[in-house]
Amino acid sequence: MPDNPNSLAFALPGQSVLEISGPDAVVFMQAQCMNDVALLANGQWQWNGWLTPQGRVIALFALLRRDAQTLWCLLPDFPAATLAQQLQRYVFRAKVKLRLRDDLHVGGRFAIAAQATMGEDAASLDLTTSDGQRAWLIATTSFADDAESQSRWRASDLRHGLPRLAADAEPKWTPQQLSLDRLHAYSVKKGCYPGQEIVARTHFLGQAKRGLVLLESAQPIADGANVSDGSRDVGTVISTAANLALAVASLDATPATVAGQAAKTLPLLDGLAR
């Protein structure tokens, strides 16, 4: 890597890395993931995810192609060990190995980094937008704990419409309900994958009636809080960062309160799409 990633970096607790390797690694993940893995060249990454057969998001992650036979799955919330265990059931005779990289640490920094810069057992993924510089870092060395920077990082995720789904949350939202089209995180043109029929049908029939809304209130907001337009419930909070919240809400409603307190709707920032 071009510089010391730890110099300006801080730890991102709960984030983990799953390595998928072997001659069939790309083919295997192409069949399992909601985005088109085959489009990735070496050194490139994309937003991606794994769905239930009913098209509900189990895990959302960044998928990095290190080489023709190696992929790294960076999971912000869903445990890599759990994803490996669940994916293992579909390996069958494929020449692929799922390996929890618990020797790797995930950090962040508010500074520019070359896109998907890679070294041996290290990588930096650029998340810079017009709103500011950010980079994800993966390394074998640990990062310093910095609560203020960690809170700022999470708030930036929410402001850009990146859902931070609780690891133990029941899968209940489709990619469209999570507005993952903003991140170019799923494909309706590639071949079959779990949940593909639901995703494609919703896309081509234009049936997505709910999407992400960013809300701000005077007091901290809890996950699962109801969002109301003043007369009826129109959504549910799915991710929070202090006084900010991402909610899945009706696209034809104007949220007025969350958990009974006044809430202001903020525009989602662009720039995280790959």
C-alpha atoms as a PDB file:
ATOM      1  CA  MET A   1       0.000   0.000   0.000  1.00  0.00           C
ATOM      2  CA  PRO A   2       1.266   3.514  -0.773  1.00  0.00           C
ATOM      3  CA  ASP A   3       1.266   4.762   2.787  1.00  0.00           C
ATOM      4  CA  ASN A   4       0.619   3.658   6.340  1.00  0.00           C
ATOM      5  CA  PRO A   5      -3.147   2.975   6.586  1.00  0.00           C
ATOM      6  CA  ASN A   6      -3.034   3.141  10.378  1.00  0.00           C
ATOM      7  CA  SER A   7      -1.697   6.699  10.571  1.00  0.00           C
ATOM      8  CA  LEU A   8      -5.087   8.378  10.164  1.00  0.00           C
ATOM      9  CA  ALA A   9      -7.295   5.351  10.685  1.00  0.00           C
ATOM     10  CA  PHE A  10      -9.683   4.108  13.334  1.00  0.00           C
ATOM     11  CA  ALA A  11     -11.289   0.744  13.986  1.00  0.00           C
ATOM     12  CA  LEU A  12     -14.753  -0.117  12.694  1.00  0.00           C
ATOM     13  CA  PRO A  13     -16.083  -2.613  15.248  1.00  0.00           C
ATOM     14  CA  GLY A  14     -18.308  -5.418  14.045  1.00  0.00           C
ATOM     15  CA  GLN A  15     -17.040  -5.307  10.449  1.00  0.00           C
ATOM     16  CA  SER A  16     -15.532  -8.504   9.105  1.00  0.00           C
ATOM     17  CA  VAL A  17     -14.079 -10.133   5.997  1.00  0.00           C
ATOM     18  CA  LEU A  18     -14.995 -13.403   4.281  1.00  0.00           C
ATOM     19  CA  GLU A  19     -12.626 -14.778   1.648  1.00  0.00           C
ATOM     20  CA  ILE A  20     -14.031 -16.833  -1.226  1.00  0.00           C
ATOM     21  CA  SER A  21     -11.282 -18.578  -3.158  1.00  0.00           C
ATOM     22  CA  GLY A  22     -10.709 -21.324  -5.689  1.00  0.00           C
ATOM     23  CA  PRO A  23     -11.204 -21.957  -9.427  1.00  0.00           C
ATOM     24  CA  ASP A  24     -14.999 -21.610  -9.048  1.00  0.00           C
ATOM     25  CA  ALA A  25     -15.034 -18.623  -6.681  1.00  0.00           C
ATOM     26  CA  VAL A  26     -16.416 -16.092  -9.178  1.00  0.00           C
ATOM     27  CA  VAL A  27     -18.909 -18.545 -10.670  1.00  0.00           C
ATOM     28  CA  PHE A  28     -20.125 -19.561  -7.212  1.00  0.00           C
ATOM     29  CA  MET A  29     -20.691 -16.001  -6.031  1.00  0.00           C
ATOM     30  CA  GLN A  30     -22.270 -15.081  -9.367  1.00  0.00           C
ATOM     31  CA  ALA A  31     -24.909 -17.729  -8.701  1.00  0.00           C
ATOM     32  CA  GLN A  32     -25.492 -16.632  -5.093  1.00  0.00           C
ATOM     33  CA  CYS A  33     -25.231 -12.815  -5.111  1.00  0.00           C
ATOM     34  CA  MET A  34     -27.728 -10.227  -6.309  1.00  0.00           C
ATOM     35  CA  ASN A  35     -25.187  -8.200  -8.326  1.00  0.00           C
ATOM     36  CA  ASP A  36     -23.232  -9.167 -11.432  1.00  0.00           C
ATOM     37  CA  VAL A  37     -19.969 -10.503 -10.028  1.00  0.00           C
ATOM     38  CA  ALA A  38     -18.745 -11.453 -13.508  1.00  0.00           C
ATOM     39  CA  LEU A  39     -18.407  -7.745 -14.384  1.00  0.00           C
ATOM     40  CA  LEU A  40     -15.630  -7.237 -11.839  1.00  0.00           C
ATOM     41  CA  ALA A  41     -12.058  -7.036 -13.063  1.00  0.00           C
ATOM     42  CA  ASN A  42      -9.123  -7.737 -10.776  1.00  0.00           C
ATOM     43  CA  GLY A  43      -8.821  -4.917  -8.242  1.00  0.00           C
ATOM     44  CA  GLN A  44     -12.429  -3.723  -8.655  1.00  0.00           C
ATOM     45  CA  TRP A  45     -15.234  -3.876  -6.113  1.00  0.00           C
ATOM     46  CA  GLN A  46     -19.001  -3.456  -6.047  1.00  0.00           C
ATOM     47  CA  TRP A  47     -21.881  -3.243  -3.613  1.00  0.00           C
ATOM     48  CA  ASN A  48     -23.583  -6.604  -3.449  1.00  0.00           C
ATOM     49  CA  GLY A  49     -25.740  -8.757  -1.219  1.00  0.00           C
ATOM     50  CA  TRP A  50     -27.292 -12.113  -0.482  1.00  0.00           C
ATOM     51  CA  LEU A  51     -31.054 -12.610  -0.487  1.00  0.00           C
ATOM     52  CA  THR A  52     -33.603 -15.105   0.756  1.00  0.00           C
ATOM     53  CA  PRO A  53     -35.554 -17.010  -1.924  1.00  0.00           C
ATOM     54  CA  GLN A  54     -38.323 -14.479  -1.217  1.00  0.00           C
ATOM     55  CA  GLY A  55     -36.020 -11.625  -2.274  1.00  0.00           C
ATOM     56  CA  ARG A  56     -35.342 -10.214   1.209  1.00  0.00           C
ATOM     57  CA  VAL A  57     -31.860  -8.909   2.027  1.00  0.00           C
ATOM     58  CA  ILE A  58     -29.940 -11.139   4.430  1.00  0.00           C
ATOM     59  CA  ALA A  59     -26.598  -9.352   4.127  1.00  0.00           C
ATOM     60  CA  LEU A  60     -25.338  -6.264   2.303  1.00  0.00           C
ATOM     61  CA  PHE A  61     -21.616  -6.025   1.613  1.00  0.00           C
ATOM     62  CA  ALA A  62     -18.770  -4.757  -0.544  1.00  0.00           C
ATOM     63  CA  LEU A  63     -17.331  -7.457  -2.812  1.00  0.00           C
ATOM     64  CA  LEU A  64     -13.718  -7.031  -3.925  1.00  0.00           C
ATOM     65  CA  ARG A  65     -12.137  -9.168  -6.643  1.00  0.00           C
ATOM     66  CA  ARG A  66      -8.485  -9.565  -5.696  1.00  0.00           C
ATOM     67  CA  ASP A  67      -7.625 -11.904  -8.571  1.00  0.00           C
ATOM     68  CA  ALA A  68      -9.253 -14.482 -10.850  1.00  0.00           C
ATOM     69  CA  GLN A  69      -9.665 -16.954  -7.988  1.00  0.00           C
ATOM     70  CA  THR A  70     -10.018 -14.765  -4.903  1.00  0.00           C
ATOM     71  CA  LEU A  71     -12.834 -12.522  -3.665  1.00  0.00           C
ATOM     72  CA  TRP A  72     -13.070 -10.608  -0.413  1.00  0.00           C
ATOM     73  CA  CYS A  73     -16.487  -9.919   1.030  1.00  0.00           C
ATOM     74  CA  LEU A  74     -16.394  -6.939   3.430  1.00  0.00           C
ATOM     75  CA  LEU A  75     -19.421  -7.075   5.710  1.00  0.00           C
ATOM     76  CA  PRO A  76     -20.303  -3.925   7.682  1.00  0.00           C
ATOM     77  CA  ASP A  77     -22.840  -5.674   9.910  1.00  0.00           C
ATOM     78  CA  PHE A  78     -23.590  -9.325   9.130  1.00  0.00           C
ATOM     79  CA  PRO A  79     -20.953 -11.646  10.696  1.00  0.00           C
ATOM     80  CA  ALA A  80     -18.624 -13.181   8.118  1.00  0.00           C
ATOM     81  CA  ALA A  81     -18.594 -16.454  10.064  1.00  0.00           C
ATOM     82  CA  THR A  82     -22.377 -16.726   9.818  1.00  0.00           C
ATOM     83  CA  LEU A  83     -22.413 -15.928   6.108  1.00  0.00           C
ATOM     84  CA  ALA A  84     -19.714 -18.541   5.495  1.00  0.00           C
ATOM     85  CA  GLN A  85     -21.701 -21.154   7.381  1.00  0.00           C
ATOM     86  CA  GLN A  86     -24.881 -20.398   5.437  1.00  0.00           C
ATOM     87  CA  LEU A  87     -23.204 -20.221   2.025  1.00  0.00           C
ATOM     88  CA  GLN A  88     -21.371 -23.495   2.669  1.00  0.00           C
ATOM     89  CA  ARG A  89     -24.659 -25.364   2.217  1.00  0.00           C
ATOM     90  CA  TYR A  90     -24.659 -24.398  -1.471  1.00  0.00           C
ATOM     91  CA  VAL A  91     -21.070 -25.231  -2.340  1.00  0.00           C
ATOM     92  CA  PHE A  92     -21.790 -28.877  -3.275  1.00  0.00           C
ATOM     93  CA  ARG A  93     -19.024 -29.920  -5.724  1.00  0.00           C
ATOM     94  CA  ALA A  94     -17.862 -26.427  -6.611  1.00  0.00           C
ATOM     95  CA  LYS A  95     -14.132 -25.870  -6.268  1.00  0.00           C
ATOM     96  CA  VAL A  96     -14.427 -23.061  -3.770  1.00  0.00           C
ATOM     97  CA  LYS A  97     -13.263 -22.411  -0.218  1.00  0.00           C
ATOM     98  CA  LEU A  98     -15.031 -20.104   2.223  1.00  0.00           C
ATOM     99  CA  ARG A  99     -12.642 -18.737   4.825  1.00  0.00           C
ATOM    100  CA  LEU A 100     -13.337 -16.348   7.674  1.00  0.00           C
ATOM    101  CA  ARG A 101     -10.415 -13.919   7.650  1.00  0.00           C
ATOM    102  CA  ASP A 102     -10.397 -13.247  11.373  1.00  0.00           C
ATOM    103  CA  ASP A 103      -6.734 -12.298  11.014  1.00  0.00           C
ATOM    104  CA  LEU A 104      -7.813  -9.160   9.148  1.00  0.00           C
ATOM    105  CA  HIS A 105      -8.949  -5.913  10.762  1.00  0.00           C
ATOM    106  CA  VAL A 106     -11.323  -3.385   9.198  1.00  0.00           C
ATOM    107  CA  GLY A 107     -10.870   0.324   9.718  1.00  0.00           C
ATOM    108  CA  GLY A 108     -11.785   3.636   8.185  1.00  0.00           C
ATOM    109  CA  ARG A 109     -10.288   7.052   7.680  1.00  0.00           C
ATOM    110  CA  PHE A 110     -11.527  10.403   6.467  1.00  0.00           C
ATOM    111  CA  ALA A 111      -8.854  10.780   3.814  1.00  0.00           C
ATOM    112  CA  ILE A 112      -8.514   9.847   0.185  1.00  0.00           C
ATOM    113  CA  ALA A 113      -7.229   6.423  -0.839  1.00  0.00           C
ATOM    114  CA  ALA A 114      -6.618   4.965  -4.263  1.00  0.00           C
ATOM    115  CA  GLN A 115      -9.588   2.840  -5.314  1.00  0.00           C
ATOM    116  CA  ALA A 116      -9.142  -0.774  -4.242  1.00  0.00           C
ATOM    117  CA  THR A 117      -5.435  -0.345  -3.618  1.00  0.00           C
ATOM    118  CA  MET A 118      -4.185  -3.786  -2.673  1.00  0.00           C
ATOM    119  CA  GLY A 119      -1.170  -5.286  -1.007  1.00  0.00           C
ATOM    120  CA  GLU A 120      -0.551  -8.701   0.455  1.00  0.00           C
ATOM    121  CA  ASP A 121      -3.395  -9.271   2.927  1.00  0.00           C
ATOM    122  CA  ALA A 122      -4.390  -5.597   2.715  1.00  0.00           C
ATOM    123  CA  ALA A 123      -6.700  -3.337   0.728  1.00  0.00           C
ATOM    124  CA  SER A 124      -8.160   0.155   0.705  1.00  0.00           C
ATOM    125  CA  LEU A 125     -11.560   0.876  -0.865  1.00  0.00           C
ATOM    126  CA  ASP A 126     -12.331   4.474  -1.744  1.00  0.00           C
ATOM    127  CA  LEU A 127     -15.673   5.867  -0.553  1.00  0.00           C
ATOM    128  CA  THR A 128     -14.921   9.497  -1.397  1.00  0.00           C
ATOM    129  CA  THR A 129     -17.870  11.598  -2.556  1.00  0.00           C
ATOM    130  CA  SER A 130     -18.514  15.285  -3.166  1.00  0.00           C
ATOM    131  CA  ASP A 131     -19.421  15.402   0.527  1.00  0.00           C
ATOM    132  CA  GLY A 132     -15.907  14.420   1.641  1.00  0.00           C
ATOM    133  CA  GLN A 133     -13.101  11.884   1.576  1.00  0.00           C
ATOM    134  CA  ARG A 134     -13.442   8.431   3.111  1.00  0.00           C
ATOM    135  CA  ALA A 135     -11.741   5.085   2.707  1.00  0.00           C
ATOM    136  CA  TRP A 136     -12.315   1.568   3.997  1.00  0.00           C
ATOM    137  CA  LEU A 137      -9.122  -0.157   5.101  1.00  0.00           C
ATOM    138  CA  ILE A 138      -8.353  -3.839   5.532  1.00  0.00           C
ATOM    139  CA  ALA A 139      -5.068  -4.884   7.144  1.00  0.00           C
ATOM    140  CA  THR A 140      -3.480  -7.497   9.393  1.00  0.00           C
ATOM    141  CA  THR A 141      -2.580  -4.801  11.924  1.00  0.00           C
ATOM    142  CA  SER A 142      -5.213  -3.401  14.265  1.00  0.00           C
ATOM    143  CA  PHE A 143      -6.636   0.121  14.216  1.00  0.00           C
ATOM    144  CA  ALA A 144      -7.101   2.538  17.098  1.00  0.00           C
ATOM    145  CA  ASP A 145     -10.466   2.830  18.796  1.00  0.00           C
ATOM    146  CA  ASP A 146     -12.023   6.275  18.240  1.00  0.00           C
ATOM    147  CA  ALA A 147     -15.670   6.599  19.270  1.00  0.00           C
ATOM    148  CA  GLU A 148     -16.107  10.069  17.775  1.00  0.00           C
ATOM    149  CA  SER A 149     -14.794   9.005  14.354  1.00  0.00           C
ATOM    150  CA  GLN A 150     -16.820   5.782  14.463  1.00  0.00           C
ATOM    151  CA  SER A 151     -20.002   7.760  15.119  1.00  0.00           C
ATOM    152  CA  ARG A 152     -19.155  10.186  12.312  1.00  0.00           C
ATOM    153  CA  TRP A 153     -18.524   7.249   9.953  1.00  0.00           C
ATOM    154  CA  ARG A 154     -21.884   5.655  10.702  1.00  0.00           C
ATOM    155  CA  ALA A 155     -23.689   8.964  10.263  1.00  0.00           C
ATOM    156  CA  SER A 156     -21.999   9.376   6.869  1.00  0.00           C
ATOM    157  CA  ASP A 157     -23.199   5.906   5.857  1.00  0.00           C
ATOM    158  CA  LEU A 158     -26.773   6.858   6.672  1.00  0.00           C
ATOM    159  CA  ARG A 159     -26.551  10.249   4.953  1.00  0.00           C
ATOM    160  CA  HIS A 160     -25.513   8.463   1.766  1.00  0.00           C
ATOM    161  CA  GLY A 161     -28.320   5.908   2.005  1.00  0.00           C
ATOM    162  CA  LEU A 162     -26.214   2.905   3.025  1.00  0.00           C
ATOM    163  CA  PRO A 163     -28.483   0.769   5.226  1.00  0.00           C
ATOM    164  CA  ARG A 164     -26.779  -0.512   8.362  1.00  0.00           C
ATOM    165  CA  LEU A 165     -28.840  -3.589   9.112  1.00  0.00           C
ATOM    166  CA  ALA A 166     -28.610  -5.187  12.544  1.00  0.00           C
ATOM    167  CA  ALA A 167     -26.863  -8.562  12.380  1.00  0.00           C
ATOM    168  CA  ASP A 168     -29.725 -10.292  14.180  1.00  0.00           C
ATOM    169  CA  ALA A 169     -32.506  -8.562  12.214  1.00  0.00           C
ATOM    170  CA  GLU A 170     -34.972 -10.786  10.414  1.00  0.00           C
ATOM    171  CA  PRO A 171     -34.665 -10.389   6.620  1.00  0.00           C
ATOM    172  CA  LYS A 172     -37.774  -8.434   5.645  1.00  0.00           C
ATOM    173  CA  TRP A 173     -36.765  -5.808   3.068  1.00  0.00           C
ATOM    174  CA  THR A 174     -36.293  -6.199  -0.675  1.00  0.00           C
ATOM    175  CA  PRO A 175     -33.404  -4.421  -2.453  1.00  0.00           C
ATOM    176  CA  GLN A 176     -35.910  -1.929  -3.866  1.00  0.00           C
ATOM    177  CA  GLN A 177     -37.346  -1.155  -0.428  1.00  0.00           C
ATOM    178  CA  LEU A 178     -33.795  -0.431   0.730  1.00  0.00           C
ATOM    179  CA  SER A 179     -33.270   1.811  -2.344  1.00  0.00           C
ATOM    180  CA  LEU A 180     -30.221  -0.259  -3.295  1.00  0.00           C
ATOM    181  CA  ASP A 181     -30.590   0.886  -6.887  1.00  0.00           C
ATOM    182  CA  ARG A 182     -28.868   4.069  -5.639  1.00  0.00           C
ATOM    183  CA  LEU A 183     -25.780   1.957  -4.932  1.00  0.00           C
ATOM    184  CA  HIS A 184     -26.076  -0.116  -8.117  1.00  0.00           C
ATOM    185  CA  ALA A 185     -26.070  -3.059  -5.696  1.00  0.00           C
ATOM    186  CA  TYR A 186     -28.279  -5.489  -7.616  1.00  0.00           C
ATOM    187  CA  SER A 187     -28.845  -6.646 -11.176  1.00  0.00           C
ATOM    188  CA  VAL A 188     -32.030  -7.446 -13.051  1.00  0.00           C
ATOM    189  CA  LYS A 189     -30.160  -8.612 -16.162  1.00  0.00           C
ATOM    190  CA  LYS A 190     -27.830 -11.354 -14.900  1.00  0.00           C
ATOM    191  CA  GLY A 191     -28.806 -15.001 -14.545  1.00  0.00           C
ATOM    192  CA  CYS A 192     -30.650 -16.643 -11.692  1.00  0.00           C
ATOM    193  CA  TYR A 193     -29.762 -16.130  -8.032  1.00  0.00           C
ATOM    194  CA  PRO A 194     -31.789 -16.529  -4.817  1.00  0.00           C
ATOM    195  CA  GLY A 195     -34.628 -14.003  -4.856  1.00  0.00           C
ATOM    196  CA  GLN A 196     -33.971 -12.935  -8.467  1.00  0.00           C
ATOM    197  CA  GLU A 197     -37.542 -13.512  -9.600  1.00  0.00           C
ATOM    198  CA  ILE A 198     -38.940 -11.184  -6.927  1.00  0.00           C
ATOM    199  CA  VAL A 199     -36.332  -8.495  -7.641  1.00  0.00           C
ATOM    200  CA  ALA A 200     -36.892  -8.622 -11.408  1.00  0.00           C
ATOM    201  CA  ARG A 201     -40.680  -8.690 -11.136  1.00  0.00           C
ATOM    202  CA  THR A 202     -40.702  -5.668  -8.835  1.00  0.00           C
ATOM    203  CA  HIS A 203     -38.354  -3.808 -11.167  1.00  0.00           C
ATOM    204  CA  PHE A 204     -40.143  -4.484 -14.433  1.00  0.00           C
ATOM    205  CA  LEU A 205     -43.664  -4.058 -13.049  1.00  0.00           C
ATOM    206  CA  GLY A 206     -42.762  -0.915 -11.132  1.00  0.00           C
ATOM    207  CA  GLN A 207     -44.269  -2.197  -7.887  1.00  0.00           C
ATOM    208  CA  ALA A 208     -41.831  -0.695  -5.375  1.00  0.00           C
ATOM    209  CA  LYS A 209     -44.064   1.383  -3.124  1.00  0.00           C
ATOM    210  CA  ARG A 210     -41.535   1.930  -0.324  1.00  0.00           C
ATOM    211  CA  GLY A 211     -37.959   3.187  -0.202  1.00  0.00           C
ATOM    212  CA  LEU A 212     -35.381   4.775   2.074  1.00  0.00           C
ATOM    213  CA  VAL A 213     -36.037   8.079   3.819  1.00  0.00           C
ATOM    214  CA  LEU A 214     -33.459   9.952   5.923  1.00  0.00           C
ATOM    215  CA  LEU A 215     -34.882  11.548   9.056  1.00  0.00           C
ATOM    216  CA  GLU A 216     -33.520  13.842  11.742  1.00  0.00           C
ATOM    217  CA  SER A 217     -35.057  14.526  15.140  1.00  0.00           C
ATOM    218  CA  ALA A 218     -34.173  16.487  18.243  1.00  0.00           C
ATOM    219  CA  GLN A 219     -33.665  13.299  20.268  1.00  0.00           C
ATOM    220  CA  PRO A 220     -31.920   9.981  19.520  1.00  0.00           C
ATOM    221  CA  ILE A 221     -34.028   7.512  17.543  1.00  0.00           C
ATOM    222  CA  ALA A 222     -34.272   3.763  18.159  1.00  0.00           C
ATOM    223  CA  ASP A 223     -34.222   1.026  15.550  1.00  0.00           C
ATOM    224  CA  GLY A 224     -37.708  -0.250  14.821  1.00  0.00           C
ATOM    225  CA  ALA A 225     -39.421   3.049  15.666  1.00  0.00           C
ATOM    226  CA  ASN A 226     -42.610   3.814  13.753  1.00  0.00           C
ATOM    227  CA  VAL A 227     -42.672   6.658  11.246  1.00  0.00           C
ATOM    228  CA  SER A 228     -45.942   8.559  10.862  1.00  0.00           C
ATOM    229  CA  ASP A 229     -47.284  11.191   8.501  1.00  0.00           C
ATOM    230  CA  GLY A 230     -49.329  12.607  11.357  1.00  0.00           C
ATOM    231  CA  SER A 231     -52.349  10.425  10.873  1.00  0.00           C
ATOM    232  CA  ARG A 232     -51.026   6.939  10.079  1.00  0.00           C
ATOM    233  CA  ASP A 233     -47.892   4.828  10.238  1.00  0.00           C
ATOM    234  CA  VAL A 234     -46.019   5.024   6.955  1.00  0.00           C
ATOM    235  CA  GLY A 235     -42.680   3.407   7.721  1.00  0.00           C
ATOM    236  CA  THR A 236     -40.162   1.791  10.064  1.00  0.00           C
ATOM    237  CA  VAL A 237     -36.711   2.914  11.186  1.00  0.00           C
ATOM    238  CA  ILE A 238     -34.022   0.390  10.182  1.00  0.00           C
ATOM    239  CA  SER A 239     -30.728   2.190  10.960  1.00  0.00           C
ATOM    240  CA  THR A 240     -29.784   4.928  13.406  1.00  0.00           C
ATOM    241  CA  ALA A 241     -26.872   7.207  14.264  1.00  0.00           C
ATOM    242  CA  ALA A 242     -27.610   9.549  17.155  1.00  0.00           C
ATOM    243  CA  ASN A 243     -30.372  11.880  15.898  1.00  0.00           C
ATOM    244  CA  LEU A 244     -30.318  10.490  12.348  1.00  0.00           C
ATOM    245  CA  ALA A 245     -32.346   7.556  11.103  1.00  0.00           C
ATOM    246  CA  LEU A 246     -32.876   5.671   7.877  1.00  0.00           C
ATOM    247  CA  ALA A 247     -36.416   4.403   7.502  1.00  0.00           C
ATOM    248  CA  VAL A 248     -38.206   2.290   4.951  1.00  0.00           C
ATOM    249  CA  ALA A 249     -41.299   4.353   4.252  1.00  0.00           C
ATOM    250  CA  SER A 250     -44.115   4.777   1.745  1.00  0.00           C
ATOM    251  CA  LEU A 251     -42.928   6.740  -1.263  1.00  0.00           C
ATOM    252  CA  ASP A 252     -46.218   8.620  -1.492  1.00  0.00           C
ATOM    253  CA  ALA A 253     -46.153   9.825   2.149  1.00  0.00           C
ATOM    254  CA  THR A 254     -44.504  12.758   3.913  1.00  0.00           C
ATOM    255  CA  PRO A 255     -43.082  11.656   7.276  1.00  0.00           C
ATOM    256  CA  ALA A 256     -43.860  14.033  10.114  1.00  0.00           C
ATOM    257  CA  THR A 257     -42.961  12.146  13.278  1.00  0.00           C
ATOM    258  CA  VAL A 258     -40.798   9.230  14.339  1.00  0.00           C
ATOM    259  CA  ALA A 259     -41.545   7.454  17.623  1.00  0.00           C
ATOM    260  CA  GLY A 260     -44.000  10.275  18.341  1.00  0.00           C
ATOM    261  CA  GLN A 261     -41.504  13.142  18.045  1.00  0.00           C
ATOM    262  CA  ALA A 262     -41.222  15.646  15.239  1.00  0.00           C
ATOM    263  CA  ALA A 263     -38.874  14.593  12.453  1.00  0.00           C
ATOM    264  CA  LYS A 264     -37.328  16.449   9.553  1.00  0.00           C
ATOM    265  CA  THR A 265     -36.796  14.733   6.201  1.00  0.00           C
ATOM    266  CA  LEU A 266     -33.296  15.232   4.780  1.00  0.00           C
ATOM    267  CA  PRO A 267     -32.110  14.542   1.217  1.00  0.00           C
ATOM    268  CA  LEU A 268     -29.935  11.475   0.737  1.00  0.00           C
ATOM    269  CA  LEU A 269     -26.444  12.306  -0.495  1.00  0.00           C
ATOM    270  CA  ASP A 270     -25.212  10.758  -3.731  1.00  0.00           C
ATOM    271  CA  GLY A 271     -21.848   9.329  -4.571  1.00  0.00           C
ATOM    272  CA  LEU A 272     -21.496   5.845  -3.070  1.00  0.00           C
ATOM    273  CA  ALA A 273     -22.619   3.983  -6.197  1.00  0.00           C
ATOM    274  CA  ARG A 274     -19.883   1.947  -7.887  1.00  0.00           C
END
